[in-house]
Structures are given as structure tokens and as C-alpha cells.
């Protein structure tokens, strides 16, 4: 929905109005129908591999590697650009959980990749901060 609306707005609205409309759609979409929030709240199905009071981790429904896990803060944060100093411990915890899961998945020794996409040009399609934990195969280089 947002991607379609953004593409239409790019052609038909002045820049300031387009920017305001995208912000409104992101807030409305993310707060009312964010798929990650629904997974965290057990309102949508996912194969959850880890959960605590700060984060939930689950297998990606469209894996890009043999191991592809999404690590998501339980608190709705739109992206890296929305982080504040109050989120420092949470962000650290995301990485600690990634390390723990890499060990449990048997990919810690061979190596893995952690990815966070930020913004439209960064490839972010779900506006809820998350880490992609990818492993189990040699990663391609260069990225991008």
C-alpha cells in the first residue's frame, strides 16, 4: 500500500505535500497494521525462534539464505533514523540476540551477515526496525 501510494505521489504532488503524505501514511500504516507488531502481539503467524521482553526473532517468510531470521524490537521503532539515546540498550540487545541465534543455528563459526535497511533507498519495505540475520551459505560481495 505505501509503496504504491508513494509511487503515485512522486508524480502528482508537490514535494512538501508529498513528504507530509508519506509521513502520514507511514504513521497510519505502521501503527494500525504493522505486520511485525502483529507478529509480536501473536496476531499474525510466524515461526518464532526467540522472544523476551525486548525483542522477538522469527524466520523470514521469504528467506534469502539457508538461515534468515528477522530480529525485531518489541517496541515499534520505524527505522534507525527514529532511534534515540533511550534506545541504546535495546539496540545492543538486538546484536547480542543475533550472536546467540547465530550460535544456536550453527552459523557462528562459518560466518553470517547482519543487515538493517533504512529508508526507501536503503531497501526498507517494512517500517519497523529489524535486523536480518543471514547465514548458512557464502554471502555475495559486493552488496548493493
C-alpha atoms as a PDB file:
ATOM      1  CA  UNK A   1       0.000   0.000   0.000  1.00  0.00           C
ATOM      2  CA  UNK A   2       2.625   2.530   0.984  1.00  0.00           C
ATOM      3  CA  UNK A   3       4.902   1.691  -1.946  1.00  0.00           C
ATOM      4  CA  UNK A   4       2.015   2.098  -4.409  1.00  0.00           C
ATOM      5  CA  UNK A   5       0.911   5.365  -2.783  1.00  0.00           C
ATOM      6  CA  UNK A   6       4.474   6.695  -2.712  1.00  0.00           C
ATOM      7  CA  UNK A   7       4.982   5.969  -6.418  1.00  0.00           C
ATOM      8  CA  UNK A   8       1.739   7.782  -7.318  1.00  0.00           C
ATOM      9  CA  UNK A   9       2.562  10.715  -5.060  1.00  0.00           C
ATOM     10  CA  UNK A  10       6.022  11.090  -6.592  1.00  0.00           C
ATOM     11  CA  UNK A  11       4.400  12.087  -9.860  1.00  0.00           C
ATOM     12  CA  UNK A  12       1.386  14.050  -8.726  1.00  0.00           C
ATOM     13  CA  UNK A  13       2.120  16.080  -5.574  1.00  0.00           C
ATOM     14  CA  UNK A  14       4.425  18.992  -4.797  1.00  0.00           C
ATOM     15  CA  UNK A  15       7.470  17.884  -2.733  1.00  0.00           C
ATOM     16  CA  UNK A  16       6.354  19.316   0.628  1.00  0.00           C
ATOM     17  CA  UNK A  17       2.858  17.867   0.378  1.00  0.00           C
ATOM     18  CA  UNK A  18       4.266  14.550  -0.857  1.00  0.00           C
ATOM     19  CA  UNK A  19       6.612  14.383   2.142  1.00  0.00           C
ATOM     20  CA  UNK A  20       3.759  15.126   4.571  1.00  0.00           C
ATOM     21  CA  UNK A  21       1.541  12.492   2.938  1.00  0.00           C
ATOM     22  CA  UNK A  22       4.268   9.828   3.138  1.00  0.00           C
ATOM     23  CA  UNK A  23       4.802  10.583   6.833  1.00  0.00           C
ATOM     24  CA  UNK A  24       1.055  10.352   7.472  1.00  0.00           C
ATOM     25  CA  UNK A  25       0.798   7.036   5.602  1.00  0.00           C
ATOM     26  CA  UNK A  26       3.779   5.591   7.460  1.00  0.00           C
ATOM     27  CA  UNK A  27       2.329   6.540  10.836  1.00  0.00           C
ATOM     28  CA  UNK A  28      -1.140   5.275   9.937  1.00  0.00           C
ATOM     29  CA  UNK A  29       0.125   2.080   8.313  1.00  0.00           C
ATOM     30  CA  UNK A  30       2.684   1.249  10.984  1.00  0.00           C
ATOM     31  CA  UNK A  31       0.503   1.898  13.975  1.00  0.00           C
ATOM     32  CA  UNK A  32      -2.583   0.162  12.671  1.00  0.00           C
ATOM     33  CA  UNK A  33      -1.312  -2.694  10.540  1.00  0.00           C
ATOM     34  CA  UNK A  34       2.428  -3.220  11.014  1.00  0.00           C
ATOM     35  CA  UNK A  35       2.982  -6.915  10.312  1.00  0.00           C
ATOM     36  CA  UNK A  36       5.872  -7.072  12.785  1.00  0.00           C
ATOM     37  CA  UNK A  37       3.707  -5.568  15.544  1.00  0.00           C
ATOM     38  CA  UNK A  38       1.066  -8.181  14.735  1.00  0.00           C
ATOM     39  CA  UNK A  39       3.640 -10.987  14.968  1.00  0.00           C
ATOM     40  CA  UNK A  40       4.929  -9.620  18.283  1.00  0.00           C
ATOM     41  CA  UNK A  41       1.352  -9.489  19.610  1.00  0.00           C
ATOM     42  CA  UNK A  42       0.530 -13.000  18.306  1.00  0.00           C
ATOM     43  CA  UNK A  43      -1.997 -11.570  15.843  1.00  0.00           C
ATOM     44  CA  UNK A  44      -0.124 -12.944  12.808  1.00  0.00           C
ATOM     45  CA  UNK A  45       1.637 -16.241  12.243  1.00  0.00           C
ATOM     46  CA  UNK A  46       5.412 -16.606  12.160  1.00  0.00           C
ATOM     47  CA  UNK A  47       7.953 -19.212  13.151  1.00  0.00           C
ATOM     48  CA  UNK A  48       9.268 -17.562  16.291  1.00  0.00           C
ATOM     49  CA  UNK A  49      12.732 -18.718  17.324  1.00  0.00           C
ATOM     50  CA  UNK A  50      13.350 -16.307  20.215  1.00  0.00           C
ATOM     51  CA  UNK A  51      11.305 -13.985  22.374  1.00  0.00           C
ATOM     52  CA  UNK A  52      11.949 -11.969  25.513  1.00  0.00           C
ATOM     53  CA  UNK A  53      10.617  -8.716  26.951  1.00  0.00           C
ATOM     54  CA  UNK A  54      12.651  -6.603  24.487  1.00  0.00           C
ATOM     55  CA  UNK A  55      12.817  -8.463  21.159  1.00  0.00           C
ATOM     56  CA  UNK A  56      11.149 -11.135  19.059  1.00  0.00           C
ATOM     57  CA  UNK A  57      13.004 -13.142  16.407  1.00  0.00           C
ATOM     58  CA  UNK A  58      11.363 -15.211  13.697  1.00  0.00           C
ATOM     59  CA  UNK A  59      12.193 -16.862  10.391  1.00  0.00           C
ATOM     60  CA  UNK A  60      11.782 -14.704   7.295  1.00  0.00           C
ATOM     61  CA  UNK A  61       8.869 -15.873   5.137  1.00  0.00           C
ATOM     62  CA  UNK A  62      10.999 -15.286   2.009  1.00  0.00           C
ATOM     63  CA  UNK A  63      14.489 -16.407   3.026  1.00  0.00           C
ATOM     64  CA  UNK A  64      17.471 -15.046   1.120  1.00  0.00           C
ATOM     65  CA  UNK A  65      19.835 -17.600   2.693  1.00  0.00           C
ATOM     66  CA  UNK A  66      19.540 -21.033   4.335  1.00  0.00           C
ATOM     67  CA  UNK A  67      19.309 -19.217   7.675  1.00  0.00           C
ATOM     68  CA  UNK A  68      17.324 -15.977   7.501  1.00  0.00           C
ATOM     69  CA  UNK A  69      15.966 -14.690  10.784  1.00  0.00           C
ATOM     70  CA  UNK A  70      14.444 -11.284  11.492  1.00  0.00           C
ATOM     71  CA  UNK A  71      15.256  -9.815  14.909  1.00  0.00           C
ATOM     72  CA  UNK A  72      12.698  -7.160  15.822  1.00  0.00           C
ATOM     73  CA  UNK A  73      12.357  -4.893  18.860  1.00  0.00           C
ATOM     74  CA  UNK A  74       9.012  -5.373  20.599  1.00  0.00           C
ATOM     75  CA  UNK A  75       8.762  -1.578  20.820  1.00  0.00           C
ATOM     76  CA  UNK A  76       7.661  -0.087  17.500  1.00  0.00           C
ATOM     77  CA  UNK A  77      10.561   1.960  16.126  1.00  0.00           C
ATOM     78  CA  UNK A  78      10.214   2.951  12.478  1.00  0.00           C
ATOM     79  CA  UNK A  79      13.895   2.780  11.477  1.00  0.00           C
ATOM     80  CA  UNK A  80      17.459   3.553  12.527  1.00  0.00           C
ATOM     81  CA  UNK A  81      16.614   7.205  11.854  1.00  0.00           C
ATOM     82  CA  UNK A  82      13.999   7.065  14.625  1.00  0.00           C
ATOM     83  CA  UNK A  83      16.374   5.806  17.335  1.00  0.00           C
ATOM     84  CA  UNK A  84      17.055   7.942  20.389  1.00  0.00           C
ATOM     85  CA  UNK A  85      19.634   7.694  23.152  1.00  0.00           C
ATOM     86  CA  UNK A  86      16.979   5.874  25.208  1.00  0.00           C
ATOM     87  CA  UNK A  87      17.162   3.004  22.689  1.00  0.00           C
ATOM     88  CA  UNK A  88      20.901   2.321  23.099  1.00  0.00           C
ATOM     89  CA  UNK A  89      20.479  -0.697  25.392  1.00  0.00           C
ATOM     90  CA  UNK A  90      17.759  -2.124  23.130  1.00  0.00           C
ATOM     91  CA  UNK A  91      19.960  -1.847  20.032  1.00  0.00           C
ATOM     92  CA  UNK A  92      22.793  -3.550  21.888  1.00  0.00           C
ATOM     93  CA  UNK A  93      20.397  -6.310  22.908  1.00  0.00           C
ATOM     94  CA  UNK A  94      19.409  -6.860  19.251  1.00  0.00           C
ATOM     95  CA  UNK A  95      23.047  -7.615  18.453  1.00  0.00           C
ATOM     96  CA  UNK A  96      23.514  -9.876  21.484  1.00  0.00           C
ATOM     97  CA  UNK A  97      20.425 -11.855  20.425  1.00  0.00           C
ATOM     98  CA  UNK A  98      21.848 -12.062  16.876  1.00  0.00           C
ATOM     99  CA  UNK A  99      25.067 -13.561  18.240  1.00  0.00           C
ATOM    100  CA  UNK A 100      23.108 -16.023  20.388  1.00  0.00           C
ATOM    101  CA  UNK A 101      20.921 -17.104  17.476  1.00  0.00           C
ATOM    102  CA  UNK A 102      23.928 -17.490  15.174  1.00  0.00           C
ATOM    103  CA  UNK A 103      25.378 -19.955  17.676  1.00  0.00           C
ATOM    104  CA  UNK A 104      22.089 -21.844  18.035  1.00  0.00           C
ATOM    105  CA  UNK A 105      21.704 -22.002  14.231  1.00  0.00           C
ATOM    106  CA  UNK A 106      25.265 -23.323  13.811  1.00  0.00           C
ATOM    107  CA  UNK A 107      26.480 -20.424  11.668  1.00  0.00           C
ATOM    108  CA  UNK A 108      28.610 -18.506  14.188  1.00  0.00           C
ATOM    109  CA  UNK A 109      31.902 -20.180  13.240  1.00  0.00           C
ATOM    110  CA  UNK A 110      31.441 -20.110   9.465  1.00  0.00           C
ATOM    111  CA  UNK A 111      30.161 -16.535   9.485  1.00  0.00           C
ATOM    112  CA  UNK A 112      26.972 -14.615   8.923  1.00  0.00           C
ATOM    113  CA  UNK A 113      25.716 -11.235   7.828  1.00  0.00           C
ATOM    114  CA  UNK A 114      23.601  -8.727   9.775  1.00  0.00           C
ATOM    115  CA  UNK A 115      21.666  -6.215   7.700  1.00  0.00           C
ATOM    116  CA  UNK A 116      19.493  -3.265   8.658  1.00  0.00           C
ATOM    117  CA  UNK A 117      17.802  -1.428   5.796  1.00  0.00           C
ATOM    118  CA  UNK A 118      16.886   2.193   6.452  1.00  0.00           C
ATOM    119  CA  UNK A 119      14.519   4.221   4.316  1.00  0.00           C
ATOM    120  CA  UNK A 120      13.177   3.654   0.841  1.00  0.00           C
ATOM    121  CA  UNK A 121      16.523   3.987  -0.962  1.00  0.00           C
ATOM    122  CA  UNK A 122      18.106   1.688   1.637  1.00  0.00           C
ATOM    123  CA  UNK A 123      15.625  -1.041   0.736  1.00  0.00           C
ATOM    124  CA  UNK A 124      13.403  -0.827   3.825  1.00  0.00           C
ATOM    125  CA  UNK A 125       9.962  -2.216   2.990  1.00  0.00           C
ATOM    126  CA  UNK A 126       8.541  -2.718   6.492  1.00  0.00           C
ATOM    127  CA  UNK A 127       8.862   0.389   8.609  1.00  0.00           C
ATOM    128  CA  UNK A 128       9.627  -1.337  11.898  1.00  0.00           C
ATOM    129  CA  UNK A 129      13.315  -1.517  12.780  1.00  0.00           C
ATOM    130  CA  UNK A 130      14.742  -5.018  12.338  1.00  0.00           C
ATOM    131  CA  UNK A 131      17.958  -6.927  11.788  1.00  0.00           C
ATOM    132  CA  UNK A 132      18.277  -9.600   9.131  1.00  0.00           C
ATOM    133  CA  UNK A 133      20.478 -12.468  10.317  1.00  0.00           C
ATOM    134  CA  UNK A 134      21.654 -14.319   7.200  1.00  0.00           C
ATOM    135  CA  UNK A 135      23.956 -17.331   7.089  1.00  0.00           C
ATOM    136  CA  UNK A 136      24.456 -20.928   6.133  1.00  0.00           C
ATOM    137  CA  UNK A 137      25.996 -20.073   2.756  1.00  0.00           C
ATOM    138  CA  UNK A 138      28.753 -17.847   1.436  1.00  0.00           C
ATOM    139  CA  UNK A 139      27.434 -14.286   1.145  1.00  0.00           C
ATOM    140  CA  UNK A 140      27.784 -12.431  -2.140  1.00  0.00           C
ATOM    141  CA  UNK A 141      30.104  -9.446  -2.409  1.00  0.00           C
ATOM    142  CA  UNK A 142      29.851  -6.624  -3.206  1.00  0.00           C
ATOM    143  CA  UNK A 143      26.483  -5.868  -1.667  1.00  0.00           C
ATOM    144  CA  UNK A 144      24.095  -3.383  -3.184  1.00  0.00           C
END
